[in-house]
PDB file of N, CA and C in Angstrom:
ATOM      1  N   ARG A   1      31.814  14.392  58.260  1.00  0.00           N
ATOM      2  CA  ARG A   1      32.273  15.494  58.870  1.00  0.00           C
ATOM      3  C   ARG A   1      33.656  14.983  58.828  1.00  0.00           C
ATOM      4  N   GLU A   2      34.031  14.334  59.867  1.00  0.00           N
ATOM      5  CA  GLU A   2      35.339  13.855  61.266  1.00  0.00           C
ATOM      6  C   GLU A   2      36.608  13.747  60.087  1.00  0.00           C
ATOM      7  N   GLY A   3      35.976  13.910  58.490  1.00  0.00           N
ATOM      8  CA  GLY A   3      37.334  13.671  58.003  1.00  0.00           C
ATOM      9  C   GLY A   3      37.827  15.125  57.277  1.00  0.00           C
ATOM     10  N   ARG A   4      36.376  15.378  57.101  1.00  0.00           N
ATOM     11  CA  ARG A   4      36.690  17.168  56.504  1.00  0.00           C
ATOM     12  C   ARG A   4      37.131  18.241  57.743  1.00  0.00           C
ATOM     13  N   THR A   5      37.024  17.251  59.493  1.00  0.00           N
ATOM     14  CA  THR A   5      38.091  18.235  59.813  1.00  0.00           C
ATOM     15  C   THR A   5      39.591  18.435  59.898  1.00  0.00           C
ATOM     16  N   GLN A   6      40.327  19.681  59.618  1.00  0.00           N
ATOM     17  CA  GLN A   6      41.121  19.720  60.158  1.00  0.00           C
ATOM     18  C   GLN A   6      41.642  19.437  61.112  1.00  0.00           C
ATOM     19  N   LYS A   7      43.263  18.905  61.537  1.00  0.00           N
ATOM     20  CA  LYS A   7      43.681  18.794  62.840  1.00  0.00           C
ATOM     21  C   LYS A   7      44.610  19.972  63.284  1.00  0.00           C
ATOM     22  N   HIS A   8      44.403  20.553  64.432  1.00  0.00           N
ATOM     23  CA  HIS A   8      45.726  22.160  64.853  1.00  0.00           C
ATOM     24  C   HIS A   8      47.071  21.581  65.112  1.00  0.00           C
ATOM     25  N   ILE A   9      47.927  21.953  64.736  1.00  0.00           N
ATOM     26  CA  ILE A   9      48.883  21.607  64.606  1.00  0.00           C
ATOM     27  C   ILE A   9      49.662  20.832  65.537  1.00  0.00           C
ATOM     28  N   VAL A  10      49.177  21.191  66.555  1.00  0.00           N
ATOM     29  CA  VAL A  10      49.777  20.315  67.583  1.00  0.00           C
ATOM     30  C   VAL A  10      48.873  19.330  68.615  1.00  0.00           C
ATOM     31  N   THR A  11      47.551  19.586  67.879  1.00  0.00           N
ATOM     32  CA  THR A  11      47.247  18.543  68.543  1.00  0.00           C
ATOM     33  C   THR A  11      47.510  17.093  68.262  1.00  0.00           C
ATOM     34  N   PRO A  12      47.408  15.578  68.368  1.00  0.00           N
ATOM     35  CA  PRO A  12      47.675  15.352  67.881  1.00  0.00           C
ATOM     36  C   PRO A  12      46.673  14.435  67.554  1.00  0.00           C
ATOM     37  N   GLY A  13      46.924  14.041  65.754  1.00  0.00           N
ATOM     38  CA  GLY A  13      45.795  12.425  64.716  1.00  0.00           C
ATOM     39  C   GLY A  13      45.298  12.095  65.853  1.00  0.00           C
ATOM     40  N   PRO A  14      43.477  11.806  65.231  1.00  0.00           N
ATOM     41  CA  PRO A  14      42.890  10.804  66.190  1.00  0.00           C
ATOM     42  C   PRO A  14      43.761   9.715  66.930  1.00  0.00           C
ATOM     43  N   LEU A  15      42.905   9.393  67.738  1.00  0.00           N
ATOM     44  CA  LEU A  15      43.445   7.926  68.484  1.00  0.00           C
ATOM     45  C   LEU A  15      42.600   6.473  67.465  1.00  0.00           C
ATOM     46  N   ALA A  16      41.886   6.787  66.573  1.00  0.00           N
ATOM     47  CA  ALA A  16      40.580   5.646  66.059  1.00  0.00           C
ATOM     48  C   ALA A  16      40.465   6.179  65.650  1.00  0.00           C
ATOM     49  N   PRO A  17      39.985   7.286  63.606  1.00  0.00           N
ATOM     50  CA  PRO A  17      39.528   7.671  63.688  1.00  0.00           C
ATOM     51  C   PRO A  17      37.905   7.338  62.706  1.00  0.00           C
ATOM     52  N   ALA A  18      37.138   7.690  63.201  1.00  0.00           N
ATOM     53  CA  ALA A  18      35.398   7.765  63.393  1.00  0.00           C
ATOM     54  C   ALA A  18      35.419   5.987  61.742  1.00  0.00           C
ATOM     55  N   ARG A  19      35.169   6.845  60.997  1.00  0.00           N
ATOM     56  CA  ARG A  19      35.882   5.308  59.827  1.00  0.00           C
ATOM     57  C   ARG A  19      36.118   3.825  59.767  1.00  0.00           C
ATOM     58  N   GLU A  20      37.083   4.595  60.057  1.00  0.00           N
ATOM     59  CA  GLU A  20      38.742   3.324  60.770  1.00  0.00           C
ATOM     60  C   GLU A  20      37.833   2.747  61.871  1.00  0.00           C
ATOM     61  N   GLN A  21      37.317   2.634  63.222  1.00  0.00           N
ATOM     62  CA  GLN A  21      35.846   2.455  63.803  1.00  0.00           C
ATOM     63  C   GLN A  21      34.468   2.333  62.666  1.00  0.00           C
ATOM     64  N   LEU A  22      34.006   2.441  62.171  1.00  0.00           N
ATOM     65  CA  LEU A  22      33.275   1.734  61.042  1.00  0.00           C
ATOM     66  C   LEU A  22      33.299   1.092  60.685  1.00  0.00           C
ATOM     67  N   ALA A  23      34.430   0.493  60.242  1.00  0.00           N
ATOM     68  CA  ALA A  23      34.972  -0.304  58.735  1.00  0.00           C
ATOM     69  C   ALA A  23      35.979  -1.968  60.031  1.00  0.00           C
ATOM     70  N   GLU A  24      35.711  -1.303  61.276  1.00  0.00           N
ATOM     71  CA  GLU A  24      36.408  -2.174  61.683  1.00  0.00           C
ATOM     72  C   GLU A  24      34.976  -3.310  61.898  1.00  0.00           C
ATOM     73  N   MET A  25      33.677  -2.023  63.325  1.00  0.00           N
ATOM     74  CA  MET A  25      32.631  -3.748  63.062  1.00  0.00           C
ATOM     75  C   MET A  25      31.856  -3.695  61.755  1.00  0.00           C
ATOM     76  N   LEU A  26      32.187  -3.417  59.936  1.00  0.00           N
ATOM     77  CA  LEU A  26      30.961  -4.040  58.874  1.00  0.00           C
ATOM     78  C   LEU A  26      32.325  -5.026  59.451  1.00  0.00           C
ATOM     79  N   LEU A  27      33.597  -5.395  59.276  1.00  0.00           N
ATOM     80  CA  LEU A  27      34.423  -6.569  58.854  1.00  0.00           C
ATOM     81  C   LEU A  27      34.077  -7.823  59.660  1.00  0.00           C
ATOM     82  N   GLU A  28      32.874  -7.054  61.292  1.00  0.00           N
ATOM     83  CA  GLU A  28      33.231  -8.272  62.246  1.00  0.00           C
ATOM     84  C   GLU A  28      31.318  -8.553  62.084  1.00  0.00           C
ATOM     85  N   THR A  29      30.905  -7.806  61.499  1.00  0.00           N
ATOM     86  CA  THR A  29      29.425  -7.680  60.974  1.00  0.00           C
ATOM     87  C   THR A  29      29.130  -8.835  59.796  1.00  0.00           C
ATOM     88  N   GLY A  30      30.338  -9.391  59.155  1.00  0.00           N
ATOM     89  CA  GLY A  30      30.535  -9.930  57.877  1.00  0.00           C
ATOM     90  C   GLY A  30      30.007  -9.351  57.136  1.00  0.00           C
ATOM     91  N   ARG A  31      30.818  -7.576  56.707  1.00  0.00           N
ATOM     92  CA  ARG A  31      30.005  -7.161  56.048  1.00  0.00           C
ATOM     93  C   ARG A  31      31.978  -6.523  54.367  1.00  0.00           C
ATOM     94  N   PRO A  32      32.393  -7.168  54.386  1.00  0.00           N
ATOM     95  CA  PRO A  32      34.131  -7.369  54.246  1.00  0.00           C
ATOM     96  C   PRO A  32      33.649  -6.042  53.429  1.00  0.00           C
ATOM     97  N   ALA A  33      32.911  -6.647  52.822  1.00  0.00           N
ATOM     98  CA  ALA A  33      33.517  -5.456  50.765  1.00  0.00           C
ATOM     99  C   ALA A  33      33.169  -4.150  51.440  1.00  0.00           C
ATOM    100  N   GLU A  34      31.977  -3.789  52.079  1.00  0.00           N
ATOM    101  CA  GLU A  34      31.953  -1.786  52.778  1.00  0.00           C
ATOM    102  C   GLU A  34      32.732  -1.906  53.487  1.00  0.00           C
ATOM    103  N   ALA A  35      33.388  -2.938  54.421  1.00  0.00           N
ATOM    104  CA  ALA A  35      34.993  -2.636  55.798  1.00  0.00           C
ATOM    105  C   ALA A  35      35.842  -2.206  54.519  1.00  0.00           C
ATOM    106  N   LEU A  36      35.363  -2.432  53.461  1.00  0.00           N
ATOM    107  CA  LEU A  36      36.592  -2.521  52.328  1.00  0.00           C
ATOM    108  C   LEU A  36      37.506  -1.226  52.099  1.00  0.00           C
ATOM    109  N   ARG A  37      35.219  -0.976  51.858  1.00  0.00           N
ATOM    110  CA  ARG A  37      35.386   1.113  51.305  1.00  0.00           C
ATOM    111  C   ARG A  37      35.609   1.854  52.594  1.00  0.00           C
ATOM    112  N   GLU A  38      35.251   1.596  53.322  1.00  0.00           N
ATOM    113  CA  GLU A  38      35.447   3.312  54.168  1.00  0.00           C
ATOM    114  C   GLU A  38      37.422   2.818  55.109  1.00  0.00           C
ATOM    115  N   PHE A  39      37.847   1.641  55.164  1.00  0.00           N
ATOM    116  CA  PHE A  39      38.983   1.246  55.159  1.00  0.00           C
ATOM    117  C   PHE A  39      39.843   2.508  54.379  1.00  0.00           C
ATOM    118  N   GLY A  40      39.190   2.381  52.988  1.00  0.00           N
ATOM    119  CA  GLY A  40      39.719   2.897  51.941  1.00  0.00           C
ATOM    120  C   GLY A  40      39.669   4.749  51.963  1.00  0.00           C
ATOM    121  N   ALA A  41      38.469   5.049  52.237  1.00  0.00           N
ATOM    122  CA  ALA A  41      38.040   6.323  52.303  1.00  0.00           C
ATOM    123  C   ALA A  41      39.376   6.742  54.368  1.00  0.00           C
ATOM    124  N   VAL A  42      39.105   5.637  55.386  1.00  0.00           N
ATOM    125  CA  VAL A  42      41.566   6.281  55.689  1.00  0.00           C
ATOM    126  C   VAL A  42      41.742   6.031  54.959  1.00  0.00           C
ATOM    127  N   ALA A  43      42.075   5.789  54.744  1.00  0.00           N
ATOM    128  CA  ALA A  43      43.132   5.770  53.226  1.00  0.00           C
ATOM    129  C   ALA A  43      43.748   6.909  52.370  1.00  0.00           C
ATOM    130  N   GLN A  44      42.563   8.423  52.263  1.00  0.00           N
ATOM    131  CA  GLN A  44      42.255   8.945  51.914  1.00  0.00           C
ATOM    132  C   GLN A  44      43.350  10.520  52.624  1.00  0.00           C
ATOM    133  N   THR A  45      43.047  10.178  53.691  1.00  0.00           N
ATOM    134  CA  THR A  45      43.108  10.895  54.572  1.00  0.00           C
ATOM    135  C   THR A  45      44.661  10.328  54.692  1.00  0.00           C
ATOM    136  N   GLU A  46      45.021   9.597  55.486  1.00  0.00           N
ATOM    137  CA  GLU A  46      45.854   9.140  56.798  1.00  0.00           C
ATOM    138  C   GLU A  46      46.921   8.045  55.702  1.00  0.00           C
ATOM    139  N   PRO A  47      47.117   7.930  54.530  1.00  0.00           N
ATOM    140  CA  PRO A  47      47.310   6.598  53.947  1.00  0.00           C
ATOM    141  C   PRO A  47      48.505   5.770  54.540  1.00  0.00           C
ATOM    142  N   ASN A  48      48.870   5.354  54.826  1.00  0.00           N
ATOM    143  CA  ASN A  48      50.523   4.734  55.774  1.00  0.00           C
ATOM    144  C   ASN A  48      49.941   5.156  57.574  1.00  0.00           C
ATOM    145  N   ARG A  49      48.221   4.415  57.967  1.00  0.00           N
ATOM    146  CA  ARG A  49      47.897   4.416  58.578  1.00  0.00           C
ATOM    147  C   ARG A  49      48.242   2.606  59.450  1.00  0.00           C
ATOM    148  N   PHE A  50      48.757   1.942  60.240  1.00  0.00           N
ATOM    149  CA  PHE A  50      48.828   1.476  60.252  1.00  0.00           C
ATOM    150  C   PHE A  50      47.910  -0.222  59.649  1.00  0.00           C
ATOM    151  N   ARG A  51      46.783   0.571  61.074  1.00  0.00           N
ATOM    152  CA  ARG A  51      46.183  -0.303  61.231  1.00  0.00           C
ATOM    153  C   ARG A  51      44.680   0.477  59.830  1.00  0.00           C
ATOM    154  N   ALA A  52      44.770   1.158  59.433  1.00  0.00           N
ATOM    155  CA  ALA A  52      43.398   1.234  58.363  1.00  0.00           C
ATOM    156  C   ALA A  52      44.042  -0.383  57.573  1.00  0.00           C
ATOM    157  N   VAL A  53      45.402   0.148  57.086  1.00  0.00           N
ATOM    158  CA  VAL A  53      45.998  -0.792  56.171  1.00  0.00           C
ATOM    159  C   VAL A  53      45.801  -2.196  56.094  1.00  0.00           C
ATOM    160  N   ALA A  54      45.734  -2.100  57.463  1.00  0.00           N
ATOM    161  CA  ALA A  54      46.114  -4.580  58.525  1.00  0.00           C
ATOM    162  C   ALA A  54      44.726  -4.544  57.919  1.00  0.00           C
ATOM    163  N   GLY A  55      43.747  -3.748  58.199  1.00  0.00           N
ATOM    164  CA  GLY A  55      42.103  -3.856  57.878  1.00  0.00           C
ATOM    165  C   GLY A  55      41.655  -3.816  56.405  1.00  0.00           C
ATOM    166  N   ALA A  56      42.371  -3.307  55.597  1.00  0.00           N
ATOM    167  CA  ALA A  56      41.806  -3.157  54.482  1.00  0.00           C
ATOM    168  C   ALA A  56      42.290  -4.555  54.015  1.00  0.00           C
ATOM    169  N   ALA A  57      43.738  -5.270  53.563  1.00  0.00           N
ATOM    170  CA  ALA A  57      43.991  -6.419  53.764  1.00  0.00           C
ATOM    171  C   ALA A  57      43.321  -7.409  54.074  1.00  0.00           C
ATOM    172  N   ARG A  58      42.898  -7.668  55.591  1.00  0.00           N
ATOM    173  CA  ARG A  58      41.910  -8.625  55.971  1.00  0.00           C
ATOM    174  C   ARG A  58      40.292  -7.842  55.750  1.00  0.00           C
ATOM    175  N   ALA A  59      39.065  -6.715  55.691  1.00  0.00           N
ATOM    176  CA  ALA A  59      38.483  -7.342  54.605  1.00  0.00           C
ATOM    177  C   ALA A  59      38.895  -7.221  53.163  1.00  0.00           C
ATOM    178  N   ALA A  60      39.556  -7.322  52.014  1.00  0.00           N
ATOM    179  CA  ALA A  60      39.909  -7.781  51.183  1.00  0.00           C
ATOM    180  C   ALA A  60      40.089  -9.087  50.642  1.00  0.00           C
ATOM    181  N   GLU A  61      40.835  -9.662  51.779  1.00  0.00           N
ATOM    182  CA  GLU A  61      40.819 -11.766  52.161  1.00  0.00           C
ATOM    183  C   GLU A  61      39.022 -12.234  52.733  1.00  0.00           C
ATOM    184  N   ARG A  62      38.609 -11.953  53.391  1.00  0.00           N
ATOM    185  CA  ARG A  62      37.059 -11.722  53.425  1.00  0.00           C
ATOM    186  C   ARG A  62      35.804 -11.265  53.125  1.00  0.00           C
ATOM    187  N   ALA A  63      36.769 -10.886  51.506  1.00  0.00           N
ATOM    188  CA  ALA A  63      35.873 -10.827  50.878  1.00  0.00           C
ATOM    189  C   ALA A  63      36.159 -10.790  49.050  1.00  0.00           C
ATOM    190  N   GLY A  64      36.953 -11.485  49.348  1.00  0.00           N
ATOM    191  CA  GLY A  64      38.133 -12.343  47.786  1.00  0.00           C
ATOM    192  C   GLY A  64      37.667 -11.813  47.040  1.00  0.00           C
ATOM    193  N   ASP A  65      38.867 -10.907  47.525  1.00  0.00           N
ATOM    194  CA  ASP A  65      39.837 -10.026  46.014  1.00  0.00           C
ATOM    195  C   ASP A  65      40.938  -9.974  46.571  1.00  0.00           C
ATOM    196  N   GLY A  66      41.615 -11.344  45.893  1.00  0.00           N
ATOM    197  CA  GLY A  66      42.560 -11.004  45.795  1.00  0.00           C
ATOM    198  C   GLY A  66      43.885 -10.014  45.607  1.00  0.00           C
ATOM    199  N   GLU A  67      43.355  -9.621  44.165  1.00  0.00           N
ATOM    200  CA  GLU A  67      44.484  -8.143  43.530  1.00  0.00           C
ATOM    201  C   GLU A  67      44.668  -7.640  44.489  1.00  0.00           C
ATOM    202  N   ALA A  68      43.612  -7.063  46.106  1.00  0.00           N
ATOM    203  CA  ALA A  68      43.491  -6.428  46.814  1.00  0.00           C
ATOM    204  C   ALA A  68      44.283  -6.853  47.989  1.00  0.00           C
ATOM    205  N   VAL A  69      43.951  -7.852  48.555  1.00  0.00           N
ATOM    206  CA  VAL A  69      44.791  -8.087  49.541  1.00  0.00           C
ATOM    207  C   VAL A  69      45.709  -8.075  49.619  1.00  0.00           C
ATOM    208  N   ARG A  70      46.732  -8.542  48.465  1.00  0.00           N
ATOM    209  CA  ARG A  70      47.836  -8.659  48.407  1.00  0.00           C
ATOM    210  C   ARG A  70      48.706  -7.191  47.888  1.00  0.00           C
ATOM    211  N   ARG A  71      47.437  -6.202  47.089  1.00  0.00           N
ATOM    212  CA  ARG A  71      48.507  -5.156  47.440  1.00  0.00           C
ATOM    213  C   ARG A  71      48.397  -3.966  48.926  1.00  0.00           C
ATOM    214  N   HIS A  72      47.319  -4.978  49.445  1.00  0.00           N
ATOM    215  CA  HIS A  72      46.960  -4.058  50.710  1.00  0.00           C
ATOM    216  C   HIS A  72      48.680  -4.491  51.524  1.00  0.00           C
ATOM    217  N   TYR A  73      48.243  -5.859  51.417  1.00  0.00           N
ATOM    218  CA  TYR A  73      49.308  -6.607  52.210  1.00  0.00           C
ATOM    219  C   TYR A  73      50.585  -6.033  52.388  1.00  0.00           C
ATOM    220  N   ALA A  74      51.277  -6.118  50.599  1.00  0.00           N
ATOM    221  CA  ALA A  74      52.585  -5.223  49.560  1.00  0.00           C
ATOM    222  C   ALA A  74      52.554  -3.920  50.812  1.00  0.00           C
ATOM    223  N   HIS A  75      52.048  -2.846  50.528  1.00  0.00           N
ATOM    224  CA  HIS A  75      51.411  -1.880  51.722  1.00  0.00           C
ATOM    225  C   HIS A  75      52.063  -1.522  52.479  1.00  0.00           C
ATOM    226  N   LEU A  76      51.386  -2.866  53.604  1.00  0.00           N
ATOM    227  CA  LEU A  76      50.962  -2.430  55.164  1.00  0.00           C
ATOM    228  C   LEU A  76      53.364  -2.967  54.818  1.00  0.00           C
ATOM    229  N   LEU A  77      54.005  -4.745  54.122  1.00  0.00           N
ATOM    230  CA  LEU A  77      54.914  -4.164  54.668  1.00  0.00           C
ATOM    231  C   LEU A  77      56.064  -2.967  54.630  1.00  0.00           C
ATOM    232  N   GLU A  78      55.655  -2.152  53.519  1.00  0.00           N
ATOM    233  CA  GLU A  78      56.076  -1.601  53.527  1.00  0.00           C
ATOM    234  C   GLU A  78      55.615  -0.345  54.239  1.00  0.00           C
ATOM    235  N   VAL A  79      54.478  -0.382  54.641  1.00  0.00           N
ATOM    236  CA  VAL A  79      54.507   1.133  56.030  1.00  0.00           C
ATOM    237  C   VAL A  79      55.392   0.267  57.538  1.00  0.00           C
ATOM    238  N   ALA A  80      55.572  -0.757  57.243  1.00  0.00           N
ATOM    239  CA  ALA A  80      56.353  -1.085  58.915  1.00  0.00           C
ATOM    240  C   ALA A  80      57.306  -2.019  57.954  1.00  0.00           C
ATOM    241  N   ALA A  81      58.436  -1.086  57.403  1.00  0.00           N
ATOM    242  CA  ALA A  81      59.211  -1.557  57.243  1.00  0.00           C
ATOM    243  C   ALA A  81      60.180  -1.762  58.574  1.00  0.00           C
ATOM    244  N   GLY A  82      61.236  -2.443  59.121  1.00  0.00           N
ATOM    245  CA  GLY A  82      61.469  -2.302  59.732  1.00  0.00           C
ATOM    246  C   GLY A  82      60.825  -3.334  60.934  1.00  0.00           C
ATOM    247  N   ALA A  83      60.006  -3.602  60.308  1.00  0.00           N
ATOM    248  CA  ALA A  83      59.150  -4.030  62.012  1.00  0.00           C
ATOM    249  C   ALA A  83      59.975  -5.731  62.911  1.00  0.00           C
ATOM    250  N   GLU A  84      61.150  -6.059  63.466  1.00  0.00           N
ATOM    251  CA  GLU A  84      61.420  -7.113  64.552  1.00  0.00           C
ATOM    252  C   GLU A  84      60.365  -8.291  64.136  1.00  0.00           C
ATOM    253  N   GLU A  85      61.323  -9.355  63.926  1.00  0.00           N
ATOM    254  CA  GLU A  85      60.344 -10.332  63.250  1.00  0.00           C
ATOM    255  C   GLU A  85      59.707 -11.184  64.546  1.00  0.00           C
ATOM    256  N   GLY A  86      58.299 -11.341  64.859  1.00  0.00           N
ATOM    257  CA  GLY A  86      57.114 -10.916  65.066  1.00  0.00           C
ATOM    258  C   GLY A  86      56.782 -10.108  66.286  1.00  0.00           C
ATOM    259  N   ALA A  87      56.857  -9.421  66.015  1.00  0.00           N
ATOM    260  CA  ALA A  87      56.572  -7.974  66.596  1.00  0.00           C
ATOM    261  C   ALA A  87      55.307  -7.679  67.099  1.00  0.00           C
ATOM    262  N   ARG A  88      54.048  -7.538  65.142  1.00  0.00           N
ATOM    263  CA  ARG A  88      53.112  -7.441  64.491  1.00  0.00           C
ATOM    264  C   ARG A  88      52.601  -9.048  64.814  1.00  0.00           C
ATOM    265  N   ALA A  89      51.273  -9.030  64.427  1.00  0.00           N
ATOM    266  CA  ALA A  89      50.730 -10.460  64.488  1.00  0.00           C
ATOM    267  C   ALA A  89      50.240 -10.328  62.445  1.00  0.00           C
ATOM    268  N   GLU A  90      50.009  -8.745  62.456  1.00  0.00           N
ATOM    269  CA  GLU A  90      49.419  -8.019  61.041  1.00  0.00           C
ATOM    270  C   GLU A  90      50.991  -8.551  59.737  1.00  0.00           C
ATOM    271  N   VAL A  91      52.268  -8.030  60.163  1.00  0.00           N
ATOM    272  CA  VAL A  91      53.065  -7.833  59.694  1.00  0.00           C
ATOM    273  C   VAL A  91      53.740  -9.261  59.273  1.00  0.00           C
ATOM    274  N   ALA A  92      53.453 -10.819  60.361  1.00  0.00           N
ATOM    275  CA  ALA A  92      53.430 -12.364  60.655  1.00  0.00           C
ATOM    276  C   ALA A  92      53.063 -12.627  59.480  1.00  0.00           C
ATOM    277  N   ALA A  93      51.058 -12.207  59.394  1.00  0.00           N
ATOM    278  CA  ALA A  93      50.143 -12.673  58.531  1.00  0.00           C
ATOM    279  C   ALA A  93      49.980 -11.401  56.693  1.00  0.00           C
ATOM    280  N   ALA A  94      51.089 -10.805  57.038  1.00  0.00           N
ATOM    281  CA  ALA A  94      50.782 -10.099  55.575  1.00  0.00           C
ATOM    282  C   ALA A  94      52.812 -10.792  54.477  1.00  0.00           C
ATOM    283  N   ARG A  95      53.825 -10.840  55.938  1.00  0.00           N
ATOM    284  CA  ARG A  95      55.132 -12.012  55.136  1.00  0.00           C
ATOM    285  C   ARG A  95      54.648 -13.296  54.466  1.00  0.00           C
ATOM    286  N   ALA A  96      53.575 -13.816  55.373  1.00  0.00           N
ATOM    287  CA  ALA A  96      52.937 -15.623  54.840  1.00  0.00           C
ATOM    288  C   ALA A  96      52.615 -15.072  53.795  1.00  0.00           C
ATOM    289  N   TYR A  97      51.202 -14.361  53.351  1.00  0.00           N
ATOM    290  CA  TYR A  97      50.549 -14.119  52.386  1.00  0.00           C
ATOM    291  C   TYR A  97      51.390 -14.110  51.439  1.00  0.00           C
ATOM    292  N   ILE A  98      52.373 -12.560  51.174  1.00  0.00           N
ATOM    293  CA  ILE A  98      53.910 -12.661  49.727  1.00  0.00           C
ATOM    294  C   ILE A  98      53.947 -13.802  49.068  1.00  0.00           C
ATOM    295  N   ALA A  99      54.295 -14.573  50.568  1.00  0.00           N
ATOM    296  CA  ALA A  99      54.878 -15.880  50.555  1.00  0.00           C
ATOM    297  C   ALA A  99      54.838 -17.327  49.299  1.00  0.00           C
ATOM    298  N   ARG A 100      52.890 -16.966  50.148  1.00  0.00           N
ATOM    299  CA  ARG A 100      52.870 -17.600  49.509  1.00  0.00           C
ATOM    300  C   ARG A 100      52.726 -17.369  47.320  1.00  0.00           C
ATOM    301  N   GLN A 101      52.754 -16.156  47.604  1.00  0.00           N
ATOM    302  CA  GLN A 101      51.698 -15.870  46.121  1.00  0.00           C
ATOM    303  C   GLN A 101      53.321 -16.774  45.241  1.00  0.00           C
TER     304      GLN A 101
END
């Protein structure tokens, strides 16, 4: 239901969408394929949300889906373009993964 609710133009976006929180819990409980699906649902409404893109990359990595890992890390680097070296661990992980490919 939250995913269908429109926010008022003056209201900021959700701090952490419910589906993103669910995806994080699924990832923490060893269910990466389900987590990846939920991170994908977040991407439908917020395609450039840093935490969701980074989470999708982590979930894909744990699920063993190399193509999805590459795709999500590449997207994360686009989202975080201009980020200072060492500013975010997720960006460093993305750069390292892409460099190994």
